Amino acid sequence: MWKSGGMWLVMAAVAAVCPTWASAQDEAGALAAVHQLFEGMRTANPTTVREVFAAEARFAMLNDRGGPLRVTVQSVNGWIDAIGASAGGWDEQLYDVEVRADGNMASIWAPYTFYLNGAVSHCGINSIELLYDAEGWKVTQISDTRRGEGCPDPLGG
């Protein structure tokens, strides 16, 4: 039977020799992939965006704009294809970003404001899930909320 002091000593020893669960390097790599995604969207470059998505990645959207609350789940392929046709008119600004990583898995929580041709269109929260494989960080899912009112304007336009 363990005495409580002995158990704490073992736990402290294990913690001292095990790597940190969430390293700054893991968090920075996951965040770099997300920045690549949104930079590709801003520059209307679907190839750049497609590079950071896993093959079976999907969107899960919670939309309360213009009607009853709806949940929609879909593949990212149509959205990626539409990026090229956007002519650089899409600009999603993230702010107050929180990153959590545990080895080869990361989650990013980021409020956003979406601009369409320079004007605020909508805003909400992105929850972005990523996994790390031999090719690097890959986005497996983006879930977001969308609202059309009360949106902050981080660009100050």
C-alpha atoms as a PDB file:
ATOM      1  CA  MET A   1       0.000   0.000   0.000  1.00  0.00           C
ATOM      2  CA  TRP A   2       1.362   3.414  -0.990  1.00  0.00           C
ATOM      3  CA  LYS A   3       1.723   6.114   1.543  1.00  0.00           C
ATOM      4  CA  SER A   4       0.606   9.430   0.093  1.00  0.00           C
ATOM      5  CA  GLY A   5       4.083  10.983   0.435  1.00  0.00           C
ATOM      6  CA  GLY A   6       5.699   8.102  -1.474  1.00  0.00           C
ATOM      7  CA  MET A   7       3.221   8.363  -4.332  1.00  0.00           C
ATOM      8  CA  TRP A   8       3.914  12.087  -4.767  1.00  0.00           C
ATOM      9  CA  LEU A   9       7.649  11.359  -4.824  1.00  0.00           C
ATOM     10  CA  VAL A  10       7.212   8.801  -7.634  1.00  0.00           C
ATOM     11  CA  MET A  11       4.960  11.171  -9.592  1.00  0.00           C
ATOM     12  CA  ALA A  12       7.531  13.960  -9.250  1.00  0.00           C
ATOM     13  CA  ALA A  13      10.316  11.651 -10.459  1.00  0.00           C
ATOM     14  CA  VAL A  14       8.275  10.554 -13.488  1.00  0.00           C
ATOM     15  CA  ALA A  15       7.459  14.163 -14.340  1.00  0.00           C
ATOM     16  CA  ALA A  16      11.146  15.073 -14.172  1.00  0.00           C
ATOM     17  CA  VAL A  17      12.229  12.479 -16.746  1.00  0.00           C
ATOM     18  CA  CYS A  18       9.254  12.586 -19.159  1.00  0.00           C
ATOM     19  CA  PRO A  19       9.105  15.145 -21.979  1.00  0.00           C
ATOM     20  CA  THR A  20       6.696  18.021 -21.665  1.00  0.00           C
ATOM     21  CA  TRP A  21       3.335  17.026 -23.130  1.00  0.00           C
ATOM     22  CA  ALA A  22       2.797  20.219 -25.050  1.00  0.00           C
ATOM     23  CA  SER A  23       5.978  21.744 -26.349  1.00  0.00           C
ATOM     24  CA  ALA A  24       6.253  25.229 -27.736  1.00  0.00           C
ATOM     25  CA  GLN A  25       7.634  23.700 -30.957  1.00  0.00           C
ATOM     26  CA  ASP A  26       4.479  21.582 -31.436  1.00  0.00           C
ATOM     27  CA  GLU A  27       2.276  24.612 -30.853  1.00  0.00           C
ATOM     28  CA  ALA A  28       4.309  26.806 -33.217  1.00  0.00           C
ATOM     29  CA  GLY A  29       4.209  24.185 -35.990  1.00  0.00           C
ATOM     30  CA  ALA A  30       0.444  23.730 -35.726  1.00  0.00           C
ATOM     31  CA  LEU A  31      -0.083  27.495 -35.711  1.00  0.00           C
ATOM     32  CA  ALA A  32       2.167  27.884 -38.783  1.00  0.00           C
ATOM     33  CA  ALA A  33      -0.061  25.424 -40.690  1.00  0.00           C
ATOM     34  CA  VAL A  34      -3.149  27.449 -39.753  1.00  0.00           C
ATOM     35  CA  HIS A  35      -1.462  30.686 -40.815  1.00  0.00           C
ATOM     36  CA  GLN A  36      -0.607  29.041 -44.171  1.00  0.00           C
ATOM     37  CA  LEU A  37      -4.266  28.085 -44.613  1.00  0.00           C
ATOM     38  CA  PHE A  38      -5.554  31.623 -44.040  1.00  0.00           C
ATOM     39  CA  GLU A  39      -2.763  33.263 -46.033  1.00  0.00           C
ATOM     40  CA  GLY A  40      -3.649  30.974 -48.940  1.00  0.00           C
ATOM     41  CA  MET A  41      -7.265  32.037 -48.604  1.00  0.00           C
ATOM     42  CA  ARG A  42      -6.304  35.763 -48.576  1.00  0.00           C
ATOM     43  CA  THR A  43      -4.118  35.355 -51.663  1.00  0.00           C
ATOM     44  CA  ALA A  44      -6.659  33.157 -53.506  1.00  0.00           C
ATOM     45  CA  ASN A  45      -4.191  30.253 -53.695  1.00  0.00           C
ATOM     46  CA  PRO A  46      -6.041  26.927 -53.359  1.00  0.00           C
ATOM     47  CA  THR A  47      -2.807  24.934 -53.760  1.00  0.00           C
ATOM     48  CA  THR A  48      -1.303  26.541 -50.662  1.00  0.00           C
ATOM     49  CA  VAL A  49      -4.480  25.831 -48.702  1.00  0.00           C
ATOM     50  CA  ARG A  50      -4.840  22.221 -49.898  1.00  0.00           C
ATOM     51  CA  GLU A  51      -1.282  21.455 -48.684  1.00  0.00           C
ATOM     52  CA  VAL A  52      -2.297  21.807 -45.034  1.00  0.00           C
ATOM     53  CA  PHE A  53      -5.478  19.714 -45.132  1.00  0.00           C
ATOM     54  CA  ALA A  54      -5.656  15.979 -44.488  1.00  0.00           C
ATOM     55  CA  ALA A  55      -7.256  14.011 -47.336  1.00  0.00           C
ATOM     56  CA  GLU A  56     -10.581  13.455 -45.537  1.00  0.00           C
ATOM     57  CA  ALA A  57     -10.754  16.820 -43.755  1.00  0.00           C
ATOM     58  CA  ARG A  58     -14.132  18.389 -43.138  1.00  0.00           C
ATOM     59  CA  PHE A  59     -15.966  21.485 -41.992  1.00  0.00           C
ATOM     60  CA  ALA A  60     -18.571  21.469 -39.242  1.00  0.00           C
ATOM     61  CA  MET A  61     -20.470  24.753 -39.164  1.00  0.00           C
ATOM     62  CA  LEU A  62     -22.943  26.149 -36.684  1.00  0.00           C
ATOM     63  CA  ASN A  63     -24.795  28.937 -38.460  1.00  0.00           C
ATOM     64  CA  ASP A  64     -27.414  31.207 -36.945  1.00  0.00           C
ATOM     65  CA  ARG A  65     -27.362  33.862 -39.684  1.00  0.00           C
ATOM     66  CA  GLY A  66     -30.696  34.417 -41.371  1.00  0.00           C
ATOM     67  CA  GLY A  67     -32.831  31.752 -39.768  1.00  0.00           C
ATOM     68  CA  PRO A  68     -32.914  28.902 -37.290  1.00  0.00           C
ATOM     69  CA  LEU A  69     -29.676  27.470 -35.910  1.00  0.00           C
ATOM     70  CA  ARG A  70     -28.262  24.892 -38.333  1.00  0.00           C
ATOM     71  CA  VAL A  71     -25.402  22.397 -38.137  1.00  0.00           C
ATOM     72  CA  THR A  72     -23.764  21.533 -41.444  1.00  0.00           C
ATOM     73  CA  VAL A  73     -20.898  19.069 -42.005  1.00  0.00           C
ATOM     74  CA  GLN A  74     -19.168  18.922 -45.371  1.00  0.00           C
ATOM     75  CA  SER A  75     -15.910  18.169 -47.133  1.00  0.00           C
ATOM     76  CA  VAL A  76     -13.441  21.035 -47.517  1.00  0.00           C
ATOM     77  CA  ASN A  77     -12.905  20.327 -51.240  1.00  0.00           C
ATOM     78  CA  GLY A  78     -15.594  22.659 -52.586  1.00  0.00           C
ATOM     79  CA  TRP A  79     -14.396  25.474 -50.327  1.00  0.00           C
ATOM     80  CA  ILE A  80     -10.771  24.985 -51.400  1.00  0.00           C
ATOM     81  CA  ASP A  81     -11.799  25.046 -55.073  1.00  0.00           C
ATOM     82  CA  ALA A  82     -13.751  28.280 -54.502  1.00  0.00           C
ATOM     83  CA  ILE A  83     -10.693  30.001 -53.037  1.00  0.00           C
ATOM     84  CA  GLY A  84      -9.175  30.386 -56.502  1.00  0.00           C
ATOM     85  CA  ALA A  85     -12.330  32.081 -57.771  1.00  0.00           C
ATOM     86  CA  SER A  86     -12.432  34.478 -54.799  1.00  0.00           C
ATOM     87  CA  ALA A  87      -9.858  36.762 -56.481  1.00  0.00           C
ATOM     88  CA  GLY A  88      -8.381  37.650 -53.096  1.00  0.00           C
ATOM     89  CA  GLY A  89     -11.685  38.980 -51.783  1.00  0.00           C
ATOM     90  CA  TRP A  90     -11.737  36.651 -48.772  1.00  0.00           C
ATOM     91  CA  ASP A  91      -9.847  37.688 -45.654  1.00  0.00           C
ATOM     92  CA  GLU A  92     -10.390  35.891 -42.368  1.00  0.00           C
ATOM     93  CA  GLN A  93      -8.646  37.622 -39.485  1.00  0.00           C
ATOM     94  CA  LEU A  94      -7.911  35.544 -36.376  1.00  0.00           C
ATOM     95  CA  TYR A  95      -7.204  37.106 -32.992  1.00  0.00           C
ATOM     96  CA  ASP A  96      -6.798  35.992 -29.358  1.00  0.00           C
ATOM     97  CA  VAL A  97      -5.640  32.601 -30.664  1.00  0.00           C
ATOM     98  CA  GLU A  98      -5.226  29.747 -28.171  1.00  0.00           C
ATOM     99  CA  VAL A  99      -3.121  26.711 -29.127  1.00  0.00           C
ATOM    100  CA  ARG A 100      -2.992  23.379 -27.303  1.00  0.00           C
ATOM    101  CA  ALA A 101      -0.686  20.588 -28.416  1.00  0.00           C
ATOM    102  CA  ASP A 102       0.152  17.110 -27.229  1.00  0.00           C
ATOM    103  CA  GLY A 103       2.854  15.595 -29.379  1.00  0.00           C
ATOM    104  CA  ASN A 104       1.271  14.879 -32.765  1.00  0.00           C
ATOM    105  CA  MET A 105      -2.124  16.430 -32.018  1.00  0.00           C
ATOM    106  CA  ALA A 106      -3.092  20.075 -31.709  1.00  0.00           C
ATOM    107  CA  SER A 107      -6.212  22.130 -31.280  1.00  0.00           C
ATOM    108  CA  ILE A 108      -6.562  25.820 -32.049  1.00  0.00           C
ATOM    109  CA  TRP A 109      -9.369  28.021 -30.729  1.00  0.00           C
ATOM    110  CA  ALA A 110      -9.549  31.350 -32.517  1.00  0.00           C
ATOM    111  CA  PRO A 111     -12.152  34.086 -32.675  1.00  0.00           C
ATOM    112  CA  TYR A 112     -12.328  35.470 -36.213  1.00  0.00           C
ATOM    113  CA  THR A 113     -13.824  38.182 -38.361  1.00  0.00           C
ATOM    114  CA  PHE A 114     -14.400  37.383 -42.037  1.00  0.00           C
ATOM    115  CA  TYR A 115     -14.071  40.191 -44.581  1.00  0.00           C
ATOM    116  CA  LEU A 116     -15.612  39.924 -48.022  1.00  0.00           C
ATOM    117  CA  ASN A 117     -14.046  42.398 -50.447  1.00  0.00           C
ATOM    118  CA  GLY A 118     -12.836  44.539 -47.545  1.00  0.00           C
ATOM    119  CA  ALA A 119     -16.122  44.714 -45.611  1.00  0.00           C
ATOM    120  CA  VAL A 120     -17.009  42.740 -42.472  1.00  0.00           C
ATOM    121  CA  SER A 121     -19.245  39.850 -43.553  1.00  0.00           C
ATOM    122  CA  HIS A 122     -19.516  37.704 -40.422  1.00  0.00           C
ATOM    123  CA  CYS A 123     -17.613  36.524 -37.369  1.00  0.00           C
ATOM    124  CA  GLY A 124     -17.447  33.723 -34.837  1.00  0.00           C
ATOM    125  CA  ILE A 125     -15.096  31.144 -33.403  1.00  0.00           C
ATOM    126  CA  ASN A 126     -12.912  28.647 -35.275  1.00  0.00           C
ATOM    127  CA  SER A 127     -12.027  25.380 -33.575  1.00  0.00           C
ATOM    128  CA  ILE A 128      -9.309  23.795 -35.707  1.00  0.00           C
ATOM    129  CA  GLU A 129      -8.055  20.239 -35.162  1.00  0.00           C
ATOM    130  CA  LEU A 130      -4.674  19.165 -36.527  1.00  0.00           C
ATOM    131  CA  LEU A 131      -2.608  15.967 -36.578  1.00  0.00           C
ATOM    132  CA  TYR A 132       1.089  15.659 -37.356  1.00  0.00           C
ATOM    133  CA  ASP A 133       2.253  12.971 -39.787  1.00  0.00           C
ATOM    134  CA  ALA A 134       5.272  12.340 -42.028  1.00  0.00           C
ATOM    135  CA  GLU A 135       4.239  15.320 -44.197  1.00  0.00           C
ATOM    136  CA  GLY A 136       3.810  17.724 -41.268  1.00  0.00           C
ATOM    137  CA  TRP A 137       0.807  19.314 -39.566  1.00  0.00           C
ATOM    138  CA  LYS A 138      -2.505  18.582 -41.313  1.00  0.00           C
ATOM    139  CA  VAL A 139      -5.885  20.124 -40.557  1.00  0.00           C
ATOM    140  CA  THR A 140      -8.431  17.343 -40.043  1.00  0.00           C
ATOM    141  CA  GLN A 141     -11.440  19.470 -39.129  1.00  0.00           C
ATOM    142  CA  ILE A 142     -12.525  23.058 -38.780  1.00  0.00           C
ATOM    143  CA  SER A 143     -15.643  23.717 -36.747  1.00  0.00           C
ATOM    144  CA  ASP A 144     -16.955  27.238 -36.612  1.00  0.00           C
ATOM    145  CA  THR A 145     -19.763  29.431 -35.448  1.00  0.00           C
ATOM    146  CA  ARG A 146     -21.082  32.190 -37.703  1.00  0.00           C
ATOM    147  CA  ARG A 147     -22.987  35.298 -36.822  1.00  0.00           C
ATOM    148  CA  GLY A 148     -23.608  38.443 -38.820  1.00  0.00           C
ATOM    149  CA  GLU A 149     -24.072  40.977 -36.035  1.00  0.00           C
ATOM    150  CA  GLY A 150     -21.862  42.418 -33.312  1.00  0.00           C
ATOM    151  CA  CYS A 151     -18.675  41.502 -35.141  1.00  0.00           C
ATOM    152  CA  PRO A 152     -15.406  43.087 -34.026  1.00  0.00           C
ATOM    153  CA  ASP A 153     -13.312  44.789 -36.709  1.00  0.00           C
ATOM    154  CA  PRO A 154      -9.684  43.844 -35.990  1.00  0.00           C
ATOM    155  CA  LEU A 155      -8.546  45.638 -39.162  1.00  0.00           C
ATOM    156  CA  GLY A 156     -10.209  48.829 -37.953  1.00  0.00           C
ATOM    157  CA  GLY A 157     -11.864  49.498 -41.306  1.00  0.00           C
END
